[in-house]
């Protein structure tokens, strides 16, 4: 199939937020290569914010994860087959994404090798790579670009194109950011993530706050479920001058405040990836069980600090050590991060 008759392309990348963000540069490359093509995306509701209303995408099929059942899957497949896609691309490489790929009705059903859960059986073209799926030194964005490079896309730059969120910023958040002390730089601390062994020790966050709270505006961001962590980091009333936005921000609000901040500090998390996609001025990302070589924001003023523990990165959600469990999360010292912050901001 030649380039000029590729009219419809389907992207399958269901979740999570960070993985969806990491697929956006591949979307940009596809749009540059096929400017007139219809490019659609299948995504789960928890990761849809950067996909819906994205100017590079024509149609979005959102799967409600809580309501996912055979009937909803069949309805989705009917809609997809009606489109008669020329190409479908499975970036997720799981059984659930493979099913959508296999029954999409696309003429060319393409994925990369080393997929999980036998997802490759649903493809009729498998792109060979020279690395494993969880290669700790091969960035996931580069892996995603390998898939579109197979279609002849030229990768000139890593670009994240986001929807226009300007009408979605809450007035409360805008007021807070506009009323910050303009004589001070602003540090955003986003301490939460999903894996226990990707979290930094609470006392280390506390040390950072003690060091910088008098000379910087400091803001804490986290989801409502991470309220207990934020409160522990703030250590009750000792830091009443810190702005705690835990549970008070939408994803659009986060994009806004990350753009406004001078530095965002986070473990390997959706917040770090959102800050990257938002074009934050500076980012420090901390890596414990996971690999900076695989998922760290890269580029000017983006820094990563990795655990020196011999077992890191293990790439496991749960620590497998029988003794000294989770030693990776105590291996990055607050002094090291403090010195890096000073180099960036002072």
Protein backbone atom coordinates (compact mmCIF):
# COMPACT_ATOMS: atom_id res chain seq x y z
CA UNK A 1 0.00 0.00 0.00
CA UNK A 2 1.55 3.26 -1.08
CA UNK A 3 1.53 6.40 0.96
CA UNK A 4 -0.99 8.28 -1.19
CA UNK A 5 -3.78 5.72 -0.70
CA UNK A 6 -3.45 5.43 3.07
CA UNK A 7 -6.61 7.26 4.03
CA UNK A 8 -7.49 5.93 7.46
CA UNK A 9 -5.22 5.04 10.39
CA UNK A 10 -6.24 3.71 13.80
CA UNK A 11 -4.07 4.10 16.92
CA UNK A 12 -4.69 1.67 19.77
CA UNK A 13 -3.20 2.93 23.04
CA UNK A 14 -5.65 2.40 25.86
CA UNK A 15 -3.89 3.43 29.08
CA UNK A 16 -2.23 4.66 31.29
CA UNK A 17 -1.75 8.42 31.32
CA UNK A 18 2.03 8.33 31.04
CA UNK A 19 1.96 5.71 28.29
CA UNK A 20 -0.59 7.77 26.37
CA UNK A 21 1.65 10.83 26.63
CA UNK A 22 4.58 8.76 25.39
CA UNK A 23 2.59 7.90 22.27
CA UNK A 24 1.91 11.54 21.32
CA UNK A 25 5.25 12.02 19.49
CA UNK A 26 4.37 9.03 17.29
CA UNK A 27 1.00 10.68 16.58
CA UNK A 28 2.81 13.87 15.55
CA UNK A 29 5.09 11.91 13.21
CA UNK A 30 2.09 10.16 11.65
CA UNK A 31 0.29 13.44 11.06
CA UNK A 32 3.37 14.94 9.40
CA UNK A 33 3.69 11.92 7.11
CA UNK A 34 -0.03 11.60 6.34
CA UNK A 35 -1.43 15.15 6.63
CA UNK A 36 -4.70 14.34 4.86
CA UNK A 37 -5.36 10.96 6.46
CA UNK A 38 -8.10 10.28 8.98
CA UNK A 39 -6.28 9.36 12.21
CA UNK A 40 -8.42 7.91 14.99
CA UNK A 41 -7.53 6.68 18.47
CA UNK A 42 -8.98 4.06 20.83
CA UNK A 43 -8.32 4.95 24.48
CA UNK A 44 -9.66 4.17 27.93
CA UNK A 45 -11.44 6.93 29.83
CA UNK A 46 -8.73 7.40 32.49
CA UNK A 47 -6.16 8.30 29.82
CA UNK A 48 -8.33 10.14 27.33
CA UNK A 49 -7.72 13.77 28.34
CA UNK A 50 -4.75 14.34 26.04
CA UNK A 51 -6.46 12.50 23.19
CA UNK A 52 -9.94 14.01 23.11
CA UNK A 53 -10.03 17.32 21.21
CA UNK A 54 -6.42 16.86 20.16
CA UNK A 55 -6.00 18.83 16.90
CA UNK A 56 -4.04 15.98 15.29
CA UNK A 57 -6.83 13.42 15.78
CA UNK A 58 -10.06 13.09 13.83
CA UNK A 59 -12.08 10.70 16.00
CA UNK A 60 -11.63 9.26 19.47
CA UNK A 61 -13.25 6.07 20.72
CA UNK A 62 -13.29 6.15 24.52
CA UNK A 63 -13.71 2.91 26.46
CA UNK A 64 -15.24 3.28 29.91
CA UNK A 65 -13.10 0.89 31.92
CA UNK A 66 -15.74 0.38 34.63
CA UNK A 67 -18.40 -0.47 32.07
CA UNK A 68 -16.19 -2.62 29.87
CA UNK A 69 -17.99 -5.83 28.93
CA UNK A 70 -18.59 -8.03 25.91
CA UNK A 71 -21.47 -5.89 24.67
CA UNK A 72 -19.48 -2.66 24.77
CA UNK A 73 -16.53 -4.39 23.08
CA UNK A 74 -18.78 -5.63 20.28
CA UNK A 75 -20.25 -2.16 19.81
CA UNK A 76 -16.74 -0.73 19.57
CA UNK A 77 -15.68 -3.34 17.04
CA UNK A 78 -18.75 -2.63 14.90
CA UNK A 79 -17.89 1.07 14.85
CA UNK A 80 -14.25 0.39 13.98
CA UNK A 81 -15.05 -2.07 11.20
CA UNK A 82 -17.45 0.45 9.71
CA UNK A 83 -14.52 2.86 9.23
CA UNK A 84 -12.60 0.38 7.03
CA UNK A 85 -9.15 1.39 8.23
CA UNK A 86 -6.17 0.95 5.99
CA UNK A 87 -3.85 0.59 8.98
CA UNK A 88 -4.29 -0.16 12.68
CA UNK A 89 -1.34 0.24 15.06
CA UNK A 90 -1.20 -1.48 18.45
CA UNK A 91 1.11 0.55 20.69
CA UNK A 92 -0.03 -1.17 23.90
CA UNK A 93 0.77 -4.79 23.02
CA UNK A 94 -1.50 -6.49 25.53
CA UNK A 95 -4.21 -9.07 24.95
CA UNK A 96 -6.96 -6.45 25.35
CA UNK A 97 -5.40 -4.12 22.77
CA UNK A 98 -4.60 -7.10 20.54
CA UNK A 99 -8.26 -8.09 20.40
CA UNK A 100 -9.18 -4.61 19.22
CA UNK A 101 -6.39 -4.74 16.65
CA UNK A 102 -7.40 -8.17 15.40
CA UNK A 103 -11.09 -7.37 15.00
CA UNK A 104 -10.69 -3.77 13.84
CA UNK A 105 -11.15 -4.78 10.23
CA UNK A 106 -7.99 -2.91 9.21
CA UNK A 107 -6.20 -4.23 6.14
CA UNK A 108 -2.83 -3.91 7.83
CA UNK A 109 -2.72 -4.72 11.54
CA UNK A 110 0.72 -3.73 12.75
CA UNK A 111 2.56 -4.06 16.04
CA UNK A 112 6.11 -4.40 17.33
CA UNK A 113 7.74 -7.66 18.36
CA UNK A 114 8.11 -8.77 21.99
CA UNK A 115 4.48 -8.02 22.80
CA UNK A 116 2.91 -9.40 25.97
CA UNK A 117 0.01 -11.82 26.52
CA UNK A 118 0.28 -13.24 22.97
CA UNK A 119 -0.89 -9.90 21.56
CA UNK A 120 1.16 -10.49 18.41
CA UNK A 121 -1.21 -13.19 17.16
CA UNK A 122 -3.73 -10.48 16.24
CA UNK A 123 -1.33 -8.67 13.88
CA UNK A 124 -0.58 -9.48 10.27
CA UNK A 125 2.62 -7.38 10.32
CA UNK A 126 5.13 -7.46 13.17
CA UNK A 127 7.95 -4.94 13.18
CA UNK A 128 11.26 -6.44 14.24
CA UNK A 129 13.33 -4.49 16.75
CA UNK A 130 16.81 -4.90 18.21
CA UNK A 131 15.69 -4.57 21.83
CA UNK A 132 13.32 -6.18 24.31
CA UNK A 133 9.98 -4.70 25.35
CA UNK A 134 11.24 -3.64 28.79
CA UNK A 135 14.79 -2.77 27.79
CA UNK A 136 15.83 -0.39 30.57
CA UNK A 137 18.10 1.56 28.21
CA UNK A 138 15.67 1.96 25.31
CA UNK A 139 13.21 4.81 25.76
CA UNK A 140 9.55 3.93 25.30
CA UNK A 141 9.06 6.99 23.07
CA UNK A 142 11.78 5.70 20.76
CA UNK A 143 10.07 2.31 20.71
CA UNK A 144 6.78 3.94 19.75
CA UNK A 145 8.55 5.88 17.01
CA UNK A 146 10.01 2.61 15.71
CA UNK A 147 6.46 1.57 14.88
CA UNK A 148 5.65 4.67 12.81
CA UNK A 149 9.13 4.73 11.29
CA UNK A 150 8.15 1.38 9.76
CA UNK A 151 5.52 3.34 7.82
CA UNK A 152 8.13 5.75 6.48
CA UNK A 153 7.69 8.53 9.02
CA UNK A 154 10.71 10.80 9.35
CA UNK A 155 11.44 11.67 12.95
CA UNK A 156 12.86 15.20 13.02
CA UNK A 157 11.89 16.10 16.58
CA UNK A 158 10.07 14.81 19.65
CA UNK A 159 6.88 16.86 19.85
CA UNK A 160 3.88 16.69 22.15
CA UNK A 161 0.79 18.35 20.70
CA UNK A 162 -1.90 18.78 23.34
CA UNK A 163 -5.51 19.93 23.18
CA UNK A 164 -6.22 23.57 23.95
CA UNK A 165 -7.04 23.53 27.66
CA UNK A 166 -7.18 27.31 28.08
CA UNK A 167 -10.96 27.34 28.61
CA UNK A 168 -10.73 24.58 31.20
CA UNK A 169 -8.36 26.17 33.71
CA UNK A 170 -10.26 26.75 36.95
CA UNK A 171 -10.52 30.34 38.17
CA UNK A 172 -9.32 29.26 41.62
CA UNK A 173 -6.09 27.80 40.24
CA UNK A 174 -5.46 30.79 37.98
CA UNK A 175 -5.97 33.13 40.93
CA UNK A 176 -3.54 31.16 43.08
CA UNK A 177 -0.84 31.21 40.40
CA UNK A 178 -1.36 34.90 39.62
CA UNK A 179 -1.07 35.82 43.30
CA UNK A 180 2.23 34.05 43.93
CA UNK A 181 5.11 36.15 45.17
CA UNK A 182 6.66 37.35 41.90
CA UNK A 183 10.02 37.91 43.59
CA UNK A 184 10.35 34.16 44.19
CA UNK A 185 10.67 31.25 41.81
CA UNK A 186 8.10 28.47 42.01
CA UNK A 187 8.74 24.80 42.75
CA UNK A 188 6.02 22.20 42.19
CA UNK A 189 6.36 19.01 44.24
CA UNK A 190 4.29 16.08 42.96
CA UNK A 191 5.25 13.26 45.34
CA UNK A 192 2.71 10.58 44.43
CA UNK A 193 2.81 7.71 42.00
CA UNK A 194 1.14 4.32 41.66
CA UNK A 195 3.84 1.85 42.74
CA UNK A 196 5.10 1.67 46.32
CA UNK A 197 8.66 1.21 45.09
CA UNK A 198 8.51 4.36 42.94
CA UNK A 199 7.82 6.58 45.97
CA UNK A 200 10.55 8.62 47.64
CA UNK A 201 10.75 8.64 51.43
CA UNK A 202 8.48 11.21 53.09
CA UNK A 203 11.29 12.67 55.19
CA UNK A 204 13.27 13.43 52.03
CA UNK A 205 10.42 15.52 50.65
CA UNK A 206 10.22 17.24 54.03
CA UNK A 207 13.93 18.06 53.86
CA UNK A 208 13.46 19.70 50.46
CA UNK A 209 10.63 21.84 51.76
CA UNK A 210 12.59 22.93 54.84
CA UNK A 211 15.52 23.91 52.63
CA UNK A 212 13.60 26.00 50.10
CA UNK A 213 10.32 27.19 51.62
CA UNK A 214 11.64 30.59 52.72
CA UNK A 215 13.03 31.59 49.33
CA UNK A 216 10.66 29.86 46.90
CA UNK A 217 6.95 29.47 46.28
CA UNK A 218 6.27 25.78 46.92
CA UNK A 219 3.16 24.00 45.69
CA UNK A 220 2.13 20.39 46.35
CA UNK A 221 0.01 18.57 43.76
CA UNK A 222 -1.53 15.11 44.06
CA UNK A 223 -4.79 13.30 43.42
CA UNK A 224 -7.49 13.02 46.10
CA UNK A 225 -6.45 9.46 46.94
CA UNK A 226 -2.97 10.73 47.84
CA UNK A 227 -4.20 13.17 50.49
CA UNK A 228 -2.56 11.20 53.30
CA UNK A 229 0.81 11.30 51.55
CA UNK A 230 0.58 15.05 50.97
CA UNK A 231 -0.31 15.66 54.61
CA UNK A 232 2.65 13.55 55.72
CA UNK A 233 4.98 15.48 53.42
CA UNK A 234 3.68 18.78 54.80
CA UNK A 235 4.00 17.50 58.37
CA UNK A 236 0.75 19.07 59.61
CA UNK A 237 0.85 22.76 60.55
CA UNK A 238 4.63 23.17 60.27
CA UNK A 239 4.29 24.23 56.66
CA UNK A 240 1.15 26.34 56.63
CA UNK A 241 2.77 28.65 54.08
CA UNK A 242 3.00 25.87 51.47
CA UNK A 243 0.19 25.76 48.90
CA UNK A 244 -1.42 22.33 48.99
CA UNK A 245 -3.45 21.63 45.85
CA UNK A 246 -3.99 17.94 46.56
CA UNK A 247 -7.32 16.90 45.09
CA UNK A 248 -8.01 20.42 43.81
CA UNK A 249 -6.66 20.24 40.25
CA UNK A 250 -7.91 18.81 37.00
CA UNK A 251 -5.46 17.55 34.40
CA UNK A 252 -5.96 20.83 32.54
CA UNK A 253 -5.07 22.74 35.73
CA UNK A 254 -1.88 20.70 36.06
CA UNK A 255 -0.86 21.61 32.53
CA UNK A 256 -1.38 25.26 33.44
CA UNK A 257 0.61 25.26 36.68
CA UNK A 258 3.41 23.10 35.26
CA UNK A 259 3.86 25.66 32.49
CA UNK A 260 3.96 28.49 35.04
CA UNK A 261 6.39 26.80 37.44
CA UNK A 262 10.15 27.14 37.36
CA UNK A 263 10.71 23.53 38.45
CA UNK A 264 8.64 20.37 38.79
CA UNK A 265 9.96 17.56 41.01
CA UNK A 266 8.37 14.13 40.93
CA UNK A 267 9.12 10.43 41.02
CA UNK A 268 8.54 8.47 37.80
CA UNK A 269 4.83 9.27 37.48
CA UNK A 270 2.03 10.66 35.37
CA UNK A 271 2.84 14.08 36.83
CA UNK A 272 6.40 13.96 35.53
CA UNK A 273 5.23 12.95 32.07
CA UNK A 274 2.48 15.57 32.08
CA UNK A 275 5.02 18.23 33.03
CA UNK A 276 7.19 17.12 30.11
CA UNK A 277 4.33 17.21 27.62
CA UNK A 278 3.25 20.59 29.00
CA UNK A 279 6.65 22.12 28.32
CA UNK A 280 7.64 22.76 31.94
CA UNK A 281 10.75 24.94 32.25
CA UNK A 282 12.68 22.43 34.37
CA UNK A 283 11.95 18.92 35.63
CA UNK A 284 13.68 16.61 38.08
CA UNK A 285 12.45 13.01 37.99
CA UNK A 286 13.46 10.44 40.60
CA UNK A 287 13.84 6.79 39.64
CA UNK A 288 13.84 3.86 42.02
CA UNK A 289 12.35 0.60 40.73
CA UNK A 290 11.95 1.91 37.19
CA UNK A 291 14.46 3.07 34.61
CA UNK A 292 15.35 6.61 33.61
CA UNK A 293 16.67 5.21 30.35
CA UNK A 294 13.19 3.98 29.51
CA UNK A 295 10.82 6.72 30.68
CA UNK A 296 12.65 9.84 31.89
CA UNK A 297 11.81 13.22 30.37
CA UNK A 298 14.76 14.28 28.26
CA UNK A 299 15.85 17.55 26.76
CA UNK A 300 17.18 20.88 27.96
CA UNK A 301 16.74 21.47 31.70
CA UNK A 302 15.21 18.03 32.27
CA UNK A 303 17.15 15.96 34.81
CA UNK A 304 16.82 12.51 36.30
CA UNK A 305 18.35 10.94 39.39
CA UNK A 306 18.42 7.15 39.58
CA UNK A 307 18.77 4.91 42.58
CA UNK A 308 22.33 3.58 43.00
CA UNK A 309 21.00 0.36 44.55
CA UNK A 310 22.32 -2.74 42.78
CA UNK A 311 18.80 -4.14 42.44
CA UNK A 312 17.57 -1.02 40.63
CA UNK A 313 15.91 -0.81 38.19
CA UNK A 314 14.02 -4.04 38.82
CA UNK A 315 10.92 -2.90 36.84
CA UNK A 316 8.71 -4.69 39.37
CA UNK A 317 5.65 -3.29 41.12
CA UNK A 318 6.46 -5.18 44.30
CA UNK A 319 9.89 -5.59 45.85
CA UNK A 320 11.20 -9.15 45.53
CA UNK A 321 13.94 -8.83 48.13
CA UNK A 322 13.60 -11.03 51.19
CA UNK A 323 15.51 -8.60 53.39
CA UNK A 324 16.07 -4.85 53.22
CA UNK A 325 12.91 -4.50 51.17
CA UNK A 326 12.45 -1.31 49.16
CA UNK A 327 16.03 -0.26 49.81
CA UNK A 328 16.02 1.58 46.48
CA UNK A 329 13.66 4.26 47.82
CA UNK A 330 16.11 5.19 50.58
CA UNK A 331 19.16 5.21 48.30
CA UNK A 332 18.62 8.70 46.84
CA UNK A 333 19.50 11.23 49.53
CA UNK A 334 17.76 14.56 49.88
CA UNK A 335 21.12 16.39 49.87
CA UNK A 336 21.76 15.19 46.31
CA UNK A 337 18.42 16.54 45.11
CA UNK A 338 18.86 19.80 47.01
CA UNK A 339 22.21 20.42 45.32
CA UNK A 340 20.69 19.79 41.89
CA UNK A 341 17.83 22.20 42.62
CA UNK A 342 20.34 24.87 43.59
CA UNK A 343 22.26 24.38 40.34
CA UNK A 344 19.04 24.73 38.34
CA UNK A 345 17.39 27.63 40.13
CA UNK A 346 20.09 29.62 41.90
